[in-house]
Amino acid sequence: MPDEEGNEVEVAGSELRAKKDTPAKAKGKSGSKSSSGRTRTIREPQPPTWNRALKRGLPWGLCAGLGVTVLTNGPIVVGIVYGLAFVPLMYFTDGFVYRRWERRKTGKPTGKKTG
């Protein structure tokens, strides 16, 4: 194990056990080996709801509609229609992700034909 100057130093087993018992936060980011051992927790997607689609799609739609209106110097109606299109887009995207997750979980084929 290298010391502060980078020289190889032999370390006793008790020191290694003491270092192993210290929390990961105390160690800091010492290298890629410690971070590659982590596992990711995957969140299961929820069934689509219009309420969630409104909460997600409306802010994005307002920004996109405003951007389209300002950047293209077009009428406000086009920006509003473009902005409101984000809500059903979010709903159908959530539905697609949820159905795909369910298919994968049950092990059913995805519909792709081989051959």
Protein backbone atom coordinates (compact mmCIF):
# COMPACT_ATOMS: atom_id res chain seq x y z
CA MET A 1 0.00 0.00 0.00
CA PRO A 2 1.49 3.42 -0.91
CA ASP A 3 2.20 5.98 1.78
CA GLU A 4 1.91 9.78 1.52
CA GLU A 5 5.06 10.01 -0.64
CA GLY A 6 4.01 7.17 -2.97
CA ASN A 7 6.44 4.55 -1.60
CA GLU A 8 5.19 0.99 -1.17
CA VAL A 9 4.75 0.14 2.52
CA GLU A 10 3.71 -3.17 4.05
CA VAL A 11 0.53 -2.91 6.08
CA ALA A 12 -0.51 -5.15 8.98
CA GLY A 13 -3.78 -7.07 8.75
CA SER A 14 -5.28 -5.17 11.68
CA GLU A 15 -4.77 -1.86 9.85
CA LEU A 16 -6.50 -3.23 6.76
CA ARG A 17 -9.46 -4.39 8.83
CA ALA A 18 -9.67 -0.98 10.50
CA LYS A 19 -9.69 0.75 7.11
CA LYS A 20 -12.32 -1.66 5.81
CA ASP A 21 -14.60 -0.89 8.76
CA THR A 22 -14.51 2.90 8.19
CA PRO A 23 -17.54 4.34 6.38
CA ALA A 24 -17.28 5.07 2.66
CA LYS A 25 -17.93 8.78 3.21
CA ALA A 26 -14.84 9.09 5.37
CA LYS A 27 -12.67 7.53 2.67
CA GLY A 28 -13.74 10.00 -0.01
CA LYS A 29 -13.33 9.28 -3.69
CA SER A 30 -10.05 7.42 -3.67
CA GLY A 31 -10.49 5.56 -6.94
CA SER A 32 -12.76 3.93 -9.42
CA LYS A 33 -12.54 0.50 -7.78
CA SER A 34 -14.58 1.57 -4.76
CA SER A 35 -17.35 3.14 -6.86
CA SER A 36 -17.65 0.27 -9.35
CA GLY A 37 -18.80 -2.12 -6.63
CA ARG A 38 -22.03 -0.21 -6.04
CA THR A 39 -25.35 -1.43 -7.30
CA ARG A 40 -28.02 0.78 -8.80
CA THR A 41 -31.53 0.67 -7.49
CA ILE A 42 -34.01 0.68 -10.33
CA ARG A 43 -37.36 2.31 -9.66
CA GLU A 44 -40.36 0.54 -11.05
CA PRO A 45 -42.40 2.86 -13.30
CA GLN A 46 -45.90 3.67 -12.15
CA PRO A 47 -49.00 3.33 -14.36
CA PRO A 48 -49.64 6.53 -16.34
CA THR A 49 -52.01 9.13 -14.91
CA TRP A 50 -53.23 12.40 -16.41
CA ASN A 51 -52.43 14.21 -13.16
CA ARG A 52 -48.76 13.21 -13.35
CA ALA A 53 -48.68 14.02 -17.07
CA LEU A 54 -50.00 17.52 -16.29
CA LYS A 55 -47.40 18.06 -13.57
CA ARG A 56 -44.57 16.99 -15.89
CA GLY A 57 -45.76 18.15 -19.26
CA LEU A 58 -47.13 21.59 -18.46
CA PRO A 59 -43.84 23.20 -17.36
CA TRP A 60 -41.98 21.71 -20.32
CA GLY A 61 -44.80 22.65 -22.64
CA LEU A 62 -44.90 26.24 -21.41
CA CYS A 63 -41.16 26.62 -21.93
CA ALA A 64 -41.30 25.01 -25.37
CA GLY A 65 -44.36 27.03 -26.41
CA LEU A 66 -42.75 30.25 -25.27
CA GLY A 67 -39.54 29.30 -27.04
CA VAL A 68 -41.34 28.52 -30.29
CA THR A 69 -43.31 31.76 -30.12
CA VAL A 70 -40.29 33.94 -29.36
CA LEU A 71 -37.72 32.26 -31.60
CA THR A 72 -39.92 31.92 -34.68
CA ASN A 73 -41.71 35.23 -34.10
CA GLY A 74 -44.94 33.32 -34.69
CA PRO A 75 -48.44 33.77 -33.34
CA ILE A 76 -49.14 32.99 -29.71
CA VAL A 77 -51.77 30.39 -30.67
CA VAL A 78 -49.09 28.19 -32.27
CA GLY A 79 -47.03 28.37 -29.06
CA ILE A 80 -50.04 27.46 -26.93
CA VAL A 81 -50.97 24.49 -29.11
CA TYR A 82 -47.35 23.33 -29.17
CA GLY A 83 -47.11 23.71 -25.38
CA LEU A 84 -50.34 21.84 -24.69
CA ALA A 85 -49.18 18.96 -26.88
CA PHE A 86 -46.63 18.05 -24.21
CA VAL A 87 -49.28 16.85 -21.74
CA PRO A 88 -50.64 13.95 -23.84
CA LEU A 89 -47.10 13.27 -25.04
CA MET A 90 -46.02 12.74 -21.42
CA TYR A 91 -49.05 10.52 -20.75
CA PHE A 92 -48.37 8.27 -23.74
CA THR A 93 -44.65 8.16 -22.97
CA ASP A 94 -45.37 7.06 -19.39
CA GLY A 95 -47.76 4.41 -20.73
CA PHE A 96 -45.15 3.13 -23.16
CA VAL A 97 -42.51 2.87 -20.43
CA TYR A 98 -44.92 1.17 -18.04
CA ARG A 99 -46.12 -1.40 -20.61
CA ARG A 100 -42.55 -2.17 -21.61
CA TRP A 101 -41.58 -2.64 -17.96
CA GLU A 102 -44.51 -5.02 -17.42
CA ARG A 103 -43.61 -7.05 -20.52
CA ARG A 104 -40.02 -7.35 -19.39
CA LYS A 105 -41.05 -8.35 -15.88
CA THR A 106 -43.34 -11.13 -17.10
CA GLY A 107 -40.84 -12.30 -19.70
CA LYS A 108 -43.17 -11.96 -22.68
CA PRO A 109 -41.58 -11.28 -26.07
CA THR A 110 -41.43 -7.65 -27.21
CA GLY A 111 -43.05 -8.34 -30.57
CA LYS A 112 -39.90 -8.25 -32.66
CA LYS A 113 -39.76 -10.93 -35.31
CA THR A 114 -36.52 -12.74 -35.99
CA GLY A 115 -35.71 -14.25 -39.29
